[in-house]
Amino acid sequence: MPALLKQSVTPLLPKRLKEKAIQVCHKKIAQKGDNVGLSFYAFFANKNDDSELLMQAATWWIQTHQLDHFEKAHKIIKLLEAEG
């Protein structure tokens, strides 16, 4: 996919997932400190009860932002807040 087209269709996370992700990041920072890293799996329970939402998170994390498996929680918060 051409870069210009790819940028124009960048998927945003649904509001409920975005809010939960920010909440989880803040909780992990409070528990483990400023250097805590996490993956998008941290935003979900240990069961696959919403596969569509999980795939949206995976797409946002892996394809849209090309993030490593574990990223700093502060970085994730900044990315999410930048989306508006």
N, C-alpha and C. Protein backbone atom coordinates (compact mmCIF):
# COMPACT_ATOMS: atom_id res chain seq x y z
N MET A 1 0.86 -1.18 0.00
CA MET A 1 0.00 0.00 0.00
C MET A 1 0.90 1.23 0.00
N PRO A 2 0.65 2.19 -0.89
CA PRO A 2 1.46 3.41 -0.90
C PRO A 2 1.39 4.13 0.44
N ALA A 3 2.50 4.76 0.81
CA ALA A 3 2.59 5.43 2.12
C ALA A 3 1.50 6.47 2.31
N LEU A 4 1.22 7.26 1.28
CA LEU A 4 0.20 8.30 1.41
C LEU A 4 -1.16 7.69 1.70
N LEU A 5 -1.50 6.63 0.99
CA LEU A 5 -2.79 5.96 1.21
C LEU A 5 -2.82 5.32 2.59
N LYS A 6 -1.72 4.71 2.99
CA LYS A 6 -1.66 4.06 4.30
C LYS A 6 -1.92 5.06 5.42
N GLN A 7 -1.37 6.25 5.32
CA GLN A 7 -1.57 7.26 6.35
C GLN A 7 -3.02 7.72 6.40
N SER A 8 -3.69 7.77 5.29
CA SER A 8 -5.06 8.28 5.27
C SER A 8 -6.07 7.29 5.84
N VAL A 9 -5.71 6.02 5.94
CA VAL A 9 -6.63 5.03 6.48
C VAL A 9 -6.13 4.45 7.81
N THR A 10 -5.27 5.18 8.49
CA THR A 10 -4.74 4.72 9.76
C THR A 10 -5.88 4.49 10.73
N PRO A 11 -6.02 3.25 11.22
CA PRO A 11 -7.13 2.97 12.14
C PRO A 11 -6.89 3.58 13.52
N LEU A 12 -7.93 4.15 14.06
CA LEU A 12 -7.90 4.65 15.42
C LEU A 12 -8.56 3.61 16.31
N LEU A 13 -8.14 3.57 17.54
CA LEU A 13 -8.79 2.65 18.47
C LEU A 13 -10.16 3.16 18.85
N PRO A 14 -11.11 2.27 19.04
CA PRO A 14 -12.42 2.70 19.54
C PRO A 14 -12.24 3.41 20.89
N LYS A 15 -13.12 4.36 21.15
CA LYS A 15 -13.00 5.19 22.35
C LYS A 15 -12.92 4.35 23.63
N ARG A 16 -13.74 3.32 23.74
CA ARG A 16 -13.74 2.51 24.97
C ARG A 16 -12.41 1.78 25.17
N LEU A 17 -11.80 1.32 24.08
CA LEU A 17 -10.51 0.65 24.20
C LEU A 17 -9.41 1.66 24.49
N LYS A 18 -9.47 2.80 23.85
CA LYS A 18 -8.49 3.85 24.10
C LYS A 18 -8.50 4.26 25.57
N GLU A 19 -9.68 4.49 26.11
CA GLU A 19 -9.80 4.88 27.52
C GLU A 19 -9.28 3.79 28.45
N LYS A 20 -9.61 2.54 28.14
CA LYS A 20 -9.13 1.43 28.96
C LYS A 20 -7.62 1.31 28.87
N ALA A 21 -7.06 1.46 27.68
CA ALA A 21 -5.62 1.36 27.50
C ALA A 21 -4.88 2.42 28.30
N ILE A 22 -5.37 3.64 28.27
CA ILE A 22 -4.75 4.72 29.05
C ILE A 22 -4.84 4.40 30.54
N GLN A 23 -5.99 3.91 30.97
CA GLN A 23 -6.18 3.54 32.38
C GLN A 23 -5.20 2.43 32.79
N VAL A 24 -5.06 1.41 31.95
CA VAL A 24 -4.15 0.30 32.25
C VAL A 24 -2.71 0.81 32.31
N CYS A 25 -2.33 1.67 31.39
CA CYS A 25 -0.97 2.22 31.39
C CYS A 25 -0.69 2.97 32.69
N HIS A 26 -1.62 3.82 33.10
CA HIS A 26 -1.43 4.57 34.35
C HIS A 26 -1.35 3.63 35.55
N LYS A 27 -2.17 2.58 35.55
CA LYS A 27 -2.16 1.62 36.66
C LYS A 27 -0.81 0.89 36.73
N LYS A 28 -0.30 0.47 35.57
CA LYS A 28 0.98 -0.24 35.53
C LYS A 28 2.12 0.68 35.98
N ILE A 29 2.08 1.95 35.57
CA ILE A 29 3.10 2.91 36.00
C ILE A 29 3.05 3.07 37.51
N ALA A 30 1.85 3.19 38.06
CA ALA A 30 1.70 3.35 39.52
C ALA A 30 2.21 2.12 40.26
N GLN A 31 2.00 0.94 39.69
CA GLN A 31 2.40 -0.31 40.35
C GLN A 31 3.90 -0.59 40.22
N LYS A 32 4.45 -0.32 39.04
CA LYS A 32 5.80 -0.80 38.74
C LYS A 32 6.80 0.29 38.40
N GLY A 33 6.36 1.54 38.33
CA GLY A 33 7.30 2.63 38.08
C GLY A 33 7.29 3.13 36.64
N ASP A 34 8.02 4.21 36.43
CA ASP A 34 8.02 4.92 35.14
C ASP A 34 8.57 4.11 33.97
N ASN A 35 9.39 3.12 34.22
CA ASN A 35 10.00 2.36 33.13
C ASN A 35 9.22 1.12 32.74
N VAL A 36 8.03 0.95 33.27
CA VAL A 36 7.26 -0.26 32.99
C VAL A 36 6.91 -0.34 31.51
N GLY A 37 7.05 -1.55 30.99
CA GLY A 37 6.66 -1.82 29.61
C GLY A 37 5.47 -2.77 29.60
N LEU A 38 4.73 -2.72 28.51
CA LEU A 38 3.59 -3.63 28.38
C LEU A 38 3.29 -3.87 26.92
N SER A 39 2.46 -4.86 26.66
CA SER A 39 2.01 -5.14 25.30
C SER A 39 0.51 -4.88 25.23
N PHE A 40 -0.02 -4.91 24.03
CA PHE A 40 -1.45 -4.64 23.88
C PHE A 40 -2.31 -5.70 24.57
N TYR A 41 -1.73 -6.86 24.83
CA TYR A 41 -2.48 -7.90 25.55
C TYR A 41 -2.86 -7.45 26.96
N ALA A 42 -2.14 -6.49 27.52
CA ALA A 42 -2.43 -5.99 28.87
C ALA A 42 -3.80 -5.32 28.94
N PHE A 43 -4.35 -4.95 27.81
CA PHE A 43 -5.63 -4.25 27.78
C PHE A 43 -6.83 -5.21 27.79
N PHE A 44 -6.54 -6.51 27.84
CA PHE A 44 -7.59 -7.52 27.74
C PHE A 44 -7.48 -8.53 28.89
N ALA A 45 -8.60 -9.18 29.18
CA ALA A 45 -8.61 -10.28 30.15
C ALA A 45 -7.85 -11.46 29.54
N ASN A 46 -7.59 -12.45 30.33
CA ASN A 46 -6.84 -13.62 29.85
C ASN A 46 -7.70 -14.58 29.03
N LYS A 47 -8.80 -14.09 28.55
CA LYS A 47 -9.64 -14.91 27.67
C LYS A 47 -10.02 -14.07 26.46
N ASN A 48 -10.27 -14.75 25.38
CA ASN A 48 -10.59 -14.06 24.13
C ASN A 48 -12.10 -13.90 24.03
N ASP A 49 -12.64 -12.89 24.71
CA ASP A 49 -14.08 -12.70 24.69
C ASP A 49 -14.52 -11.59 23.72
N ASP A 50 -13.56 -10.94 23.08
CA ASP A 50 -13.88 -9.90 22.09
C ASP A 50 -12.79 -9.89 21.03
N SER A 51 -12.83 -10.88 20.14
CA SER A 51 -11.76 -11.04 19.16
C SER A 51 -11.67 -9.86 18.20
N GLU A 52 -12.78 -9.22 17.88
CA GLU A 52 -12.74 -8.06 16.97
C GLU A 52 -11.96 -6.91 17.60
N LEU A 53 -12.23 -6.64 18.87
CA LEU A 53 -11.53 -5.57 19.57
C LEU A 53 -10.04 -5.90 19.73
N LEU A 54 -9.74 -7.16 20.00
CA LEU A 54 -8.35 -7.60 20.10
C LEU A 54 -7.62 -7.38 18.78
N MET A 55 -8.27 -7.69 17.67
CA MET A 55 -7.65 -7.49 16.36
C MET A 55 -7.46 -6.00 16.06
N GLN A 56 -8.38 -5.16 16.49
CA GLN A 56 -8.22 -3.72 16.30
C GLN A 56 -7.00 -3.23 17.07
N ALA A 57 -6.85 -3.71 18.30
CA ALA A 57 -5.69 -3.32 19.11
C ALA A 57 -4.40 -3.82 18.47
N ALA A 58 -4.40 -5.05 17.99
CA ALA A 58 -3.22 -5.61 17.35
C ALA A 58 -2.85 -4.82 16.10
N THR A 59 -3.83 -4.48 15.30
CA THR A 59 -3.58 -3.69 14.09
C THR A 59 -3.00 -2.33 14.43
N TRP A 60 -3.60 -1.66 15.41
CA TRP A 60 -3.12 -0.34 15.84
C TRP A 60 -1.68 -0.45 16.33
N TRP A 61 -1.38 -1.47 17.12
CA TRP A 61 -0.06 -1.64 17.74
C TRP A 61 1.00 -2.06 16.72
N ILE A 62 0.68 -3.08 15.92
CA ILE A 62 1.68 -3.71 15.05
C ILE A 62 1.78 -3.02 13.70
N GLN A 63 0.67 -2.83 13.02
CA GLN A 63 0.72 -2.27 11.68
C GLN A 63 0.76 -0.75 11.67
N THR A 64 -0.10 -0.12 12.43
CA THR A 64 -0.18 1.33 12.39
C THR A 64 1.06 1.99 12.98
N HIS A 65 1.48 1.53 14.15
CA HIS A 65 2.59 2.18 14.85
C HIS A 65 3.89 1.38 14.83
N GLN A 66 3.84 0.15 14.31
CA GLN A 66 5.01 -0.72 14.20
C GLN A 66 5.79 -0.78 15.52
N LEU A 67 5.05 -1.03 16.59
CA LEU A 67 5.65 -1.09 17.92
C LEU A 67 6.23 -2.47 18.18
N ASP A 68 7.21 -2.52 19.06
CA ASP A 68 7.77 -3.79 19.52
C ASP A 68 6.74 -4.47 20.42
N HIS A 69 7.01 -5.74 20.74
CA HIS A 69 6.05 -6.47 21.58
C HIS A 69 5.81 -5.75 22.89
N PHE A 70 6.88 -5.31 23.54
CA PHE A 70 6.74 -4.53 24.78
C PHE A 70 7.21 -3.11 24.53
N GLU A 71 6.40 -2.15 24.97
CA GLU A 71 6.73 -0.73 24.85
C GLU A 71 6.48 -0.06 26.19
N LYS A 72 7.15 1.05 26.41
CA LYS A 72 6.97 1.81 27.65
C LYS A 72 5.54 2.35 27.72
N ALA A 73 4.96 2.26 28.89
CA ALA A 73 3.58 2.72 29.09
C ALA A 73 3.44 4.20 28.77
N HIS A 74 4.45 5.00 29.13
CA HIS A 74 4.38 6.44 28.83
C HIS A 74 4.30 6.69 27.32
N LYS A 75 5.00 5.90 26.54
CA LYS A 75 4.97 6.05 25.08
C LYS A 75 3.58 5.73 24.54
N ILE A 76 2.97 4.68 25.06
CA ILE A 76 1.63 4.30 24.62
C ILE A 76 0.62 5.39 24.96
N ILE A 77 0.72 5.95 26.14
CA ILE A 77 -0.19 7.04 26.54
C ILE A 77 -0.05 8.22 25.57
N LYS A 78 1.18 8.59 25.24
CA LYS A 78 1.40 9.71 24.32
C LYS A 78 0.80 9.43 22.95
N LEU A 79 0.98 8.23 22.44
CA LEU A 79 0.41 7.87 21.14
C LEU A 79 -1.12 7.95 21.17
N LEU A 80 -1.71 7.42 22.22
CA LEU A 80 -3.17 7.42 22.33
C LEU A 80 -3.72 8.84 22.48
N GLU A 81 -3.07 9.65 23.29
CA GLU A 81 -3.54 11.02 23.49
C GLU A 81 -3.35 11.86 22.24
N ALA A 82 -2.35 11.55 21.42
CA ALA A 82 -2.12 12.29 20.18
C ALA A 82 -3.23 12.05 19.16
N GLU A 83 -3.94 10.95 19.30
CA GLU A 83 -5.03 10.65 18.37
C GLU A 83 -6.27 11.49 18.64
N GLY A 84 -6.29 12.15 19.77
CA GLY A 84 -7.44 13.03 20.07
C GLY A 84 -8.59 12.36 20.72
